[in-house]
């Protein structure tokens, strides 16, 4: 949840773990907005800061979060 000029916005954050064990937090609604942390909690704290920086830097007031529906994994043979 991010507050902006009296508004509160809820963004969906995708968290993945890389091969080194770091947690990568990505905000699908804001292109290029991501960060990482050693724990999920650290990644979540950092992603809040990243969202605020992205909004301020790009003046993205018009980019509103999309409604989250769900996440599914797909198995593909290669």
PDB file of N, CA and C in Angstrom:
ATOM      1  N   UNK A   1       0.849  -1.168   0.000  1.00  0.00           N
ATOM      2  CA  UNK A   1       0.000   0.000   0.000  1.00  0.00           C
ATOM      3  C   UNK A   1       0.898   1.235   0.000  1.00  0.00           C
ATOM      4  N   UNK A   2       0.739   2.106  -0.992  1.00  0.00           N
ATOM      5  CA  UNK A   2       1.532   3.318  -1.117  1.00  0.00           C
ATOM      6  C   UNK A   2       0.590   4.515  -1.067  1.00  0.00           C
ATOM      7  N   UNK A   3       0.945   5.523  -0.239  1.00  0.00           N
ATOM      8  CA  UNK A   3       0.131   6.733  -0.165  1.00  0.00           C
ATOM      9  C   UNK A   3       0.745   7.786  -1.070  1.00  0.00           C
ATOM     10  N   UNK A   4      -0.092   8.500  -1.802  1.00  0.00           N
ATOM     11  CA  UNK A   4       0.371   9.515  -2.724  1.00  0.00           C
ATOM     12  C   UNK A   4      -0.612  10.671  -2.693  1.00  0.00           C
ATOM     13  N   UNK A   5      -0.169  11.805  -2.199  1.00  0.00           N
ATOM     14  CA  UNK A   5      -1.009  13.007  -2.143  1.00  0.00           C
ATOM     15  C   UNK A   5      -2.401  12.691  -1.622  1.00  0.00           C
ATOM     16  N   UNK A   6      -2.472  12.056  -0.486  1.00  0.00           N
ATOM     17  CA  UNK A   6      -3.756  11.751   0.115  1.00  0.00           C
ATOM     18  C   UNK A   6      -4.399  10.475  -0.395  1.00  0.00           C
ATOM     19  N   UNK A   7      -3.833   9.876  -1.451  1.00  0.00           N
ATOM     20  CA  UNK A   7      -4.375   8.627  -1.990  1.00  0.00           C
ATOM     21  C   UNK A   7      -3.578   7.455  -1.445  1.00  0.00           C
ATOM     22  N   UNK A   8      -4.226   6.327  -1.338  1.00  0.00           N
ATOM     23  CA  UNK A   8      -3.547   5.089  -0.985  1.00  0.00           C
ATOM     24  C   UNK A   8      -3.725   4.136  -2.148  1.00  0.00           C
ATOM     25  N   UNK A   9      -2.605   3.639  -2.680  1.00  0.00           N
ATOM     26  CA  UNK A   9      -2.636   2.722  -3.812  1.00  0.00           C
ATOM     27  C   UNK A   9      -2.083   1.370  -3.385  1.00  0.00           C
ATOM     28  N   UNK A  10      -2.705   0.303  -3.821  1.00  0.00           N
ATOM     29  CA  UNK A  10      -2.246  -1.053  -3.543  1.00  0.00           C
ATOM     30  C   UNK A  10      -1.667  -1.634  -4.821  1.00  0.00           C
ATOM     31  N   UNK A  11      -0.397  -2.011  -4.776  1.00  0.00           N
ATOM     32  CA  UNK A  11       0.265  -2.607  -5.922  1.00  0.00           C
ATOM     33  C   UNK A  11       0.532  -4.075  -5.655  1.00  0.00           C
ATOM     34  N   UNK A  12       0.386  -4.896  -6.672  1.00  0.00           N
ATOM     35  CA  UNK A  12       0.750  -6.298  -6.598  1.00  0.00           C
ATOM     36  C   UNK A  12       2.257  -6.395  -6.749  1.00  0.00           C
ATOM     37  N   UNK A  13       2.889  -7.186  -5.901  1.00  0.00           N
ATOM     38  CA  UNK A  13       4.335  -7.386  -5.941  1.00  0.00           C
ATOM     39  C   UNK A  13       4.597  -8.869  -6.155  1.00  0.00           C
ATOM     40  N   UNK A  14       5.381  -9.177  -7.173  1.00  0.00           N
ATOM     41  CA  UNK A  14       5.774 -10.546  -7.465  1.00  0.00           C
ATOM     42  C   UNK A  14       7.123 -10.791  -6.805  1.00  0.00           C
ATOM     43  N   UNK A  15       7.230 -11.840  -6.006  1.00  0.00           N
ATOM     44  CA  UNK A  15       8.480 -12.154  -5.322  1.00  0.00           C
ATOM     45  C   UNK A  15       8.982 -13.505  -5.817  1.00  0.00           C
ATOM     46  N   UNK A  16      10.231 -13.493  -6.271  1.00  0.00           N
ATOM     47  CA  UNK A  16      10.883 -14.713  -6.735  1.00  0.00           C
ATOM     48  C   UNK A  16      12.228 -14.839  -6.026  1.00  0.00           C
ATOM     49  N   UNK A  17      12.756 -16.035  -6.001  1.00  0.00           N
ATOM     50  CA  UNK A  17      14.064 -16.253  -5.388  1.00  0.00           C
ATOM     51  C   UNK A  17      15.042 -16.675  -6.477  1.00  0.00           C
ATOM     52  N   UNK A  18      16.191 -15.980  -6.542  1.00  0.00           N
ATOM     53  CA  UNK A  18      17.175 -16.315  -7.564  1.00  0.00           C
ATOM     54  C   UNK A  18      18.083 -17.449  -7.115  1.00  0.00           C
ATOM     55  N   UNK A  19      19.008 -17.835  -7.984  1.00  0.00           N
ATOM     56  CA  UNK A  19      19.878 -18.982  -7.703  1.00  0.00           C
ATOM     57  C   UNK A  19      20.825 -18.754  -6.536  1.00  0.00           C
ATOM     58  N   UNK A  20      21.038 -17.481  -6.155  1.00  0.00           N
ATOM     59  CA  UNK A  20      21.903 -17.158  -5.017  1.00  0.00           C
ATOM     60  C   UNK A  20      21.128 -17.037  -3.704  1.00  0.00           C
ATOM     61  N   UNK A  21      19.803 -17.233  -3.763  1.00  0.00           N
ATOM     62  CA  UNK A  21      18.982 -17.157  -2.561  1.00  0.00           C
ATOM     63  C   UNK A  21      18.420 -15.776  -2.279  1.00  0.00           C
ATOM     64  N   UNK A  22      18.710 -14.794  -3.146  1.00  0.00           N
ATOM     65  CA  UNK A  22      18.168 -13.440  -2.958  1.00  0.00           C
ATOM     66  C   UNK A  22      16.705 -13.412  -3.404  1.00  0.00           C
ATOM     67  N   UNK A  23      15.904 -12.600  -2.726  1.00  0.00           N
ATOM     68  CA  UNK A  23      14.498 -12.447  -3.074  1.00  0.00           C
ATOM     69  C   UNK A  23      14.353 -11.209  -3.951  1.00  0.00           C
ATOM     70  N   UNK A  24      13.759 -11.387  -5.122  1.00  0.00           N
ATOM     71  CA  UNK A  24      13.575 -10.316  -6.089  1.00  0.00           C
ATOM     72  C   UNK A  24      12.106  -9.915  -6.056  1.00  0.00           C
ATOM     73  N   UNK A  25      11.851  -8.630  -5.785  1.00  0.00           N
ATOM     74  CA  UNK A  25      10.480  -8.106  -5.732  1.00  0.00           C
ATOM     75  C   UNK A  25      10.264  -7.219  -6.949  1.00  0.00           C
ATOM     76  N   UNK A  26       9.258  -7.545  -7.748  1.00  0.00           N
ATOM     77  CA  UNK A  26       8.956  -6.830  -8.982  1.00  0.00           C
ATOM     78  C   UNK A  26       7.526  -6.312  -8.923  1.00  0.00           C
ATOM     79  N   UNK A  27       7.313  -5.095  -9.421  1.00  0.00           N
ATOM     80  CA  UNK A  27       5.977  -4.496  -9.472  1.00  0.00           C
ATOM     81  C   UNK A  27       5.521  -4.510 -10.929  1.00  0.00           C
ATOM     82  N   UNK A  28       4.670  -5.462 -11.315  1.00  0.00           N
ATOM     83  CA  UNK A  28       4.264  -5.581 -12.720  1.00  0.00           C
ATOM     84  C   UNK A  28       3.578  -4.332 -13.291  1.00  0.00           C
ATOM     85  N   UNK A  29       2.894  -3.568 -12.465  1.00  0.00           N
ATOM     86  CA  UNK A  29       2.183  -2.377 -12.943  1.00  0.00           C
ATOM     87  C   UNK A  29       3.102  -1.205 -13.278  1.00  0.00           C
ATOM     88  N   UNK A  30       4.360  -1.258 -12.819  1.00  0.00           N
ATOM     89  CA  UNK A  30       5.295  -0.159 -13.056  1.00  0.00           C
ATOM     90  C   UNK A  30       6.534  -0.738 -13.743  1.00  0.00           C
ATOM     91  N   UNK A  31       6.658  -0.563 -15.045  1.00  0.00           N
ATOM     92  CA  UNK A  31       7.797  -1.113 -15.774  1.00  0.00           C
ATOM     93  C   UNK A  31       9.129  -0.663 -15.162  1.00  0.00           C
ATOM     94  N   UNK A  32      10.028  -1.622 -14.955  1.00  0.00           N
ATOM     95  CA  UNK A  32      11.350  -1.331 -14.427  1.00  0.00           C
ATOM     96  C   UNK A  32      11.413  -1.127 -12.932  1.00  0.00           C
ATOM     97  N   UNK A  33      10.320  -1.357 -12.230  1.00  0.00           N
ATOM     98  CA  UNK A  33      10.293  -1.160 -10.781  1.00  0.00           C
ATOM     99  C   UNK A  33      10.505  -2.498 -10.082  1.00  0.00           C
ATOM    100  N   UNK A  34      11.712  -2.668  -9.550  1.00  0.00           N
ATOM    101  CA  UNK A  34      12.042  -3.905  -8.849  1.00  0.00           C
ATOM    102  C   UNK A  34      13.183  -3.644  -7.881  1.00  0.00           C
ATOM    103  N   UNK A  35      13.382  -4.567  -6.959  1.00  0.00           N
ATOM    104  CA  UNK A  35      14.475  -4.493  -5.995  1.00  0.00           C
ATOM    105  C   UNK A  35      14.731  -5.891  -5.475  1.00  0.00           C
ATOM    106  N   UNK A  36      15.645  -6.018  -4.533  1.00  0.00           N
ATOM    107  CA  UNK A  36      15.946  -7.333  -3.973  1.00  0.00           C
ATOM    108  C   UNK A  36      16.281  -7.221  -2.502  1.00  0.00           C
ATOM    109  N   UNK A  37      16.279  -8.351  -1.817  1.00  0.00           N
ATOM    110  CA  UNK A  37      16.637  -8.390  -0.410  1.00  0.00           C
ATOM    111  C   UNK A  37      17.069  -9.787  -0.015  1.00  0.00           C
ATOM    112  N   UNK A  38      17.725  -9.880   1.126  1.00  0.00           N
ATOM    113  CA  UNK A  38      18.175 -11.182   1.632  1.00  0.00           C
ATOM    114  C   UNK A  38      17.024 -11.984   2.219  1.00  0.00           C
ATOM    115  N   UNK A  39      15.944 -11.283   2.623  1.00  0.00           N
ATOM    116  CA  UNK A  39      14.739 -11.932   3.141  1.00  0.00           C
ATOM    117  C   UNK A  39      13.529 -11.352   2.416  1.00  0.00           C
ATOM    118  N   UNK A  40      12.404 -12.041   2.511  1.00  0.00           N
ATOM    119  CA  UNK A  40      11.170 -11.518   1.917  1.00  0.00           C
ATOM    120  C   UNK A  40      10.811 -10.183   2.572  1.00  0.00           C
ATOM    121  N   UNK A  41      10.971 -10.111   3.880  1.00  0.00           N
ATOM    122  CA  UNK A  41      10.633  -8.882   4.601  1.00  0.00           C
ATOM    123  C   UNK A  41      11.488  -7.712   4.123  1.00  0.00           C
ATOM    124  N   UNK A  42      12.786  -7.952   3.929  1.00  0.00           N
ATOM    125  CA  UNK A  42      13.668  -6.893   3.456  1.00  0.00           C
ATOM    126  C   UNK A  42      13.295  -6.473   2.030  1.00  0.00           C
ATOM    127  N   UNK A  43      12.992  -7.442   1.179  1.00  0.00           N
ATOM    128  CA  UNK A  43      12.587  -7.131  -0.195  1.00  0.00           C
ATOM    129  C   UNK A  43      11.297  -6.306  -0.205  1.00  0.00           C
ATOM    130  N   UNK A  44      10.352  -6.629   0.676  1.00  0.00           N
ATOM    131  CA  UNK A  44       9.087  -5.886   0.723  1.00  0.00           C
ATOM    132  C   UNK A  44       9.295  -4.454   1.212  1.00  0.00           C
ATOM    133  N   UNK A  45      10.145  -4.259   2.195  1.00  0.00           N
ATOM    134  CA  UNK A  45      10.430  -2.896   2.655  1.00  0.00           C
ATOM    135  C   UNK A  45      11.080  -2.092   1.541  1.00  0.00           C
ATOM    136  N   UNK A  46      12.023  -2.704   0.848  1.00  0.00           N
ATOM    137  CA  UNK A  46      12.730  -2.020  -0.232  1.00  0.00           C
ATOM    138  C   UNK A  46      11.824  -1.727  -1.421  1.00  0.00           C
ATOM    139  N   UNK A  47      10.871  -2.628  -1.699  1.00  0.00           N
ATOM    140  CA  UNK A  47      10.009  -2.404  -2.863  1.00  0.00           C
ATOM    141  C   UNK A  47       9.062  -1.230  -2.614  1.00  0.00           C
ATOM    142  N   UNK A  48       8.675  -0.993  -1.375  1.00  0.00           N
ATOM    143  CA  UNK A  48       7.856   0.185  -1.067  1.00  0.00           C
ATOM    144  C   UNK A  48       8.619   1.454  -1.427  1.00  0.00           C
ATOM    145  N   UNK A  49       9.900   1.485  -1.065  1.00  0.00           N
ATOM    146  CA  UNK A  49      10.739   2.632  -1.412  1.00  0.00           C
ATOM    147  C   UNK A  49      10.899   2.741  -2.924  1.00  0.00           C
ATOM    148  N   UNK A  50      11.086   1.610  -3.597  1.00  0.00           N
ATOM    149  CA  UNK A  50      11.260   1.604  -5.048  1.00  0.00           C
ATOM    150  C   UNK A  50      10.018   2.138  -5.753  1.00  0.00           C
ATOM    151  N   UNK A  51       8.839   1.755  -5.276  1.00  0.00           N
ATOM    152  CA  UNK A  51       7.591   2.239  -5.876  1.00  0.00           C
ATOM    153  C   UNK A  51       7.510   3.754  -5.741  1.00  0.00           C
ATOM    154  N   UNK A  52       7.803   4.271  -4.562  1.00  0.00           N
ATOM    155  CA  UNK A  52       7.750   5.719  -4.358  1.00  0.00           C
ATOM    156  C   UNK A  52       8.736   6.437  -5.266  1.00  0.00           C
ATOM    157  N   UNK A  53       9.949   5.901  -5.399  1.00  0.00           N
ATOM    158  CA  UNK A  53      10.957   6.513  -6.275  1.00  0.00           C
ATOM    159  C   UNK A  53      10.489   6.474  -7.729  1.00  0.00           C
ATOM    160  N   UNK A  54       9.957   5.346  -8.169  1.00  0.00           N
ATOM    161  CA  UNK A  54       9.486   5.222  -9.550  1.00  0.00           C
ATOM    162  C   UNK A  54       8.354   6.196  -9.843  1.00  0.00           C
ATOM    163  N   UNK A  55       7.427   6.320  -8.910  1.00  0.00           N
ATOM    164  CA  UNK A  55       6.302   7.239  -9.102  1.00  0.00           C
ATOM    165  C   UNK A  55       6.797   8.677  -9.181  1.00  0.00           C
ATOM    166  N   UNK A  56       7.695   9.058  -8.275  1.00  0.00           N
ATOM    167  CA  UNK A  56       8.212  10.424  -8.260  1.00  0.00           C
ATOM    168  C   UNK A  56       9.077  10.712  -9.487  1.00  0.00           C
ATOM    169  N   UNK A  57       9.942   9.784  -9.862  1.00  0.00           N
ATOM    170  CA  UNK A  57      10.875  10.000 -10.962  1.00  0.00           C
ATOM    171  C   UNK A  57      10.180  10.082 -12.314  1.00  0.00           C
ATOM    172  N   UNK A  58       9.169   9.287 -12.497  1.00  0.00           N
ATOM    173  CA  UNK A  58       8.500   9.218 -13.789  1.00  0.00           C
ATOM    174  C   UNK A  58       7.170   9.964 -13.824  1.00  0.00           C
ATOM    175  N   UNK A  59       6.804  10.571 -12.711  1.00  0.00           N
ATOM    176  CA  UNK A  59       5.509  11.247 -12.609  1.00  0.00           C
ATOM    177  C   UNK A  59       4.398  10.321 -13.088  1.00  0.00           C
ATOM    178  N   UNK A  60       4.301   9.182 -12.445  1.00  0.00           N
ATOM    179  CA  UNK A  60       3.365   8.135 -12.853  1.00  0.00           C
ATOM    180  C   UNK A  60       2.030   8.210 -12.122  1.00  0.00           C
ATOM    181  N   UNK A  61       1.609   9.402 -11.756  1.00  0.00           N
ATOM    182  CA  UNK A  61       0.354   9.518 -11.013  1.00  0.00           C
ATOM    183  C   UNK A  61      -0.820   8.878 -11.751  1.00  0.00           C
ATOM    184  N   UNK A  62      -0.721   8.833 -13.088  1.00  0.00           N
ATOM    185  CA  UNK A  62      -1.829   8.287 -13.872  1.00  0.00           C
ATOM    186  C   UNK A  62      -1.806   6.767 -13.966  1.00  0.00           C
ATOM    187  N   UNK A  63      -0.718   6.128 -13.528  1.00  0.00           N
ATOM    188  CA  UNK A  63      -0.642   4.671 -13.571  1.00  0.00           C
ATOM    189  C   UNK A  63      -1.233   4.115 -12.288  1.00  0.00           C
ATOM    190  N   UNK A  64      -2.417   3.587 -12.417  1.00  0.00           N
ATOM    191  CA  UNK A  64      -3.108   3.020 -11.263  1.00  0.00           C
ATOM    192  C   UNK A  64      -2.895   1.511 -11.260  1.00  0.00           C
ATOM    193  N   UNK A  65      -2.857   0.923 -10.084  1.00  0.00           N
ATOM    194  CA  UNK A  65      -2.682  -0.523 -10.004  1.00  0.00           C
ATOM    195  C   UNK A  65      -3.839  -1.263 -10.654  1.00  0.00           C
ATOM    196  N   UNK A  66      -3.515  -2.377 -11.293  1.00  0.00           N
ATOM    197  CA  UNK A  66      -4.549  -3.223 -11.868  1.00  0.00           C
ATOM    198  C   UNK A  66      -5.092  -4.139 -10.785  1.00  0.00           C
ATOM    199  N   UNK A  67      -6.276  -4.668 -10.992  1.00  0.00           N
ATOM    200  CA  UNK A  67      -6.882  -5.594 -10.041  1.00  0.00           C
ATOM    201  C   UNK A  67      -6.177  -6.941 -10.121  1.00  0.00           C
ATOM    202  N   UNK A  68      -5.681  -7.433  -8.988  1.00  0.00           N
ATOM    203  CA  UNK A  68      -4.994  -8.723  -8.938  1.00  0.00           C
ATOM    204  C   UNK A  68      -6.013  -9.848  -9.008  1.00  0.00           C
ATOM    205  N   UNK A  69      -5.771 -10.790  -9.900  1.00  0.00           N
ATOM    206  CA  UNK A  69      -6.659 -11.938 -10.053  1.00  0.00           C
ATOM    207  C   UNK A  69      -6.021 -13.215  -9.525  1.00  0.00           C
ATOM    208  N   UNK A  70      -4.780 -13.474  -9.896  1.00  0.00           N
ATOM    209  CA  UNK A  70      -4.120 -14.683  -9.414  1.00  0.00           C
ATOM    210  C   UNK A  70      -2.840 -14.956 -10.180  1.00  0.00           C
ATOM    211  N   UNK A  71      -2.103 -15.931  -9.703  1.00  0.00           N
ATOM    212  CA  UNK A  71      -0.870 -16.352 -10.339  1.00  0.00           C
ATOM    213  C   UNK A  71      -0.943 -17.843 -10.530  1.00  0.00           C
ATOM    214  N   UNK A  72      -0.512 -18.295 -11.708  1.00  0.00           N
ATOM    215  CA  UNK A  72      -0.472 -19.723 -11.975  1.00  0.00           C
ATOM    216  C   UNK A  72       0.850 -20.047 -12.632  1.00  0.00           C
ATOM    217  N   UNK A  73       1.325 -21.244 -12.412  1.00  0.00           N
ATOM    218  CA  UNK A  73       2.530 -21.717 -13.078  1.00  0.00           C
ATOM    219  C   UNK A  73       2.127 -22.665 -14.194  1.00  0.00           C
ATOM    220  N   UNK A  74       2.900 -22.632 -15.273  1.00  0.00           N
ATOM    221  CA  UNK A  74       2.645 -23.484 -16.428  1.00  0.00           C
ATOM    222  C   UNK A  74       3.884 -24.320 -16.679  1.00  0.00           C
ATOM    223  N   UNK A  75       3.699 -25.614 -16.849  1.00  0.00           N
ATOM    224  CA  UNK A  75       4.818 -26.507 -17.156  1.00  0.00           C
ATOM    225  C   UNK A  75       4.921 -26.662 -18.668  1.00  0.00           C
ATOM    226  N   UNK A  76       6.123 -26.420 -19.195  1.00  0.00           N
ATOM    227  CA  UNK A  76       6.351 -26.516 -20.628  1.00  0.00           C
ATOM    228  C   UNK A  76       7.553 -27.417 -20.869  1.00  0.00           C
ATOM    229  N   UNK A  77       7.395 -28.426 -21.711  1.00  0.00           N
ATOM    230  CA  UNK A  77       8.524 -29.308 -22.047  1.00  0.00           C
ATOM    231  C   UNK A  77       9.321 -28.658 -23.162  1.00  0.00           C
ATOM    232  N   UNK A  78      10.650 -28.681 -22.986  1.00  0.00           N
ATOM    233  CA  UNK A  78      11.527 -28.120 -24.026  1.00  0.00           C
ATOM    234  C   UNK A  78      12.526 -29.138 -24.485  1.00  0.00           C
TER     235      UNK A  78
END
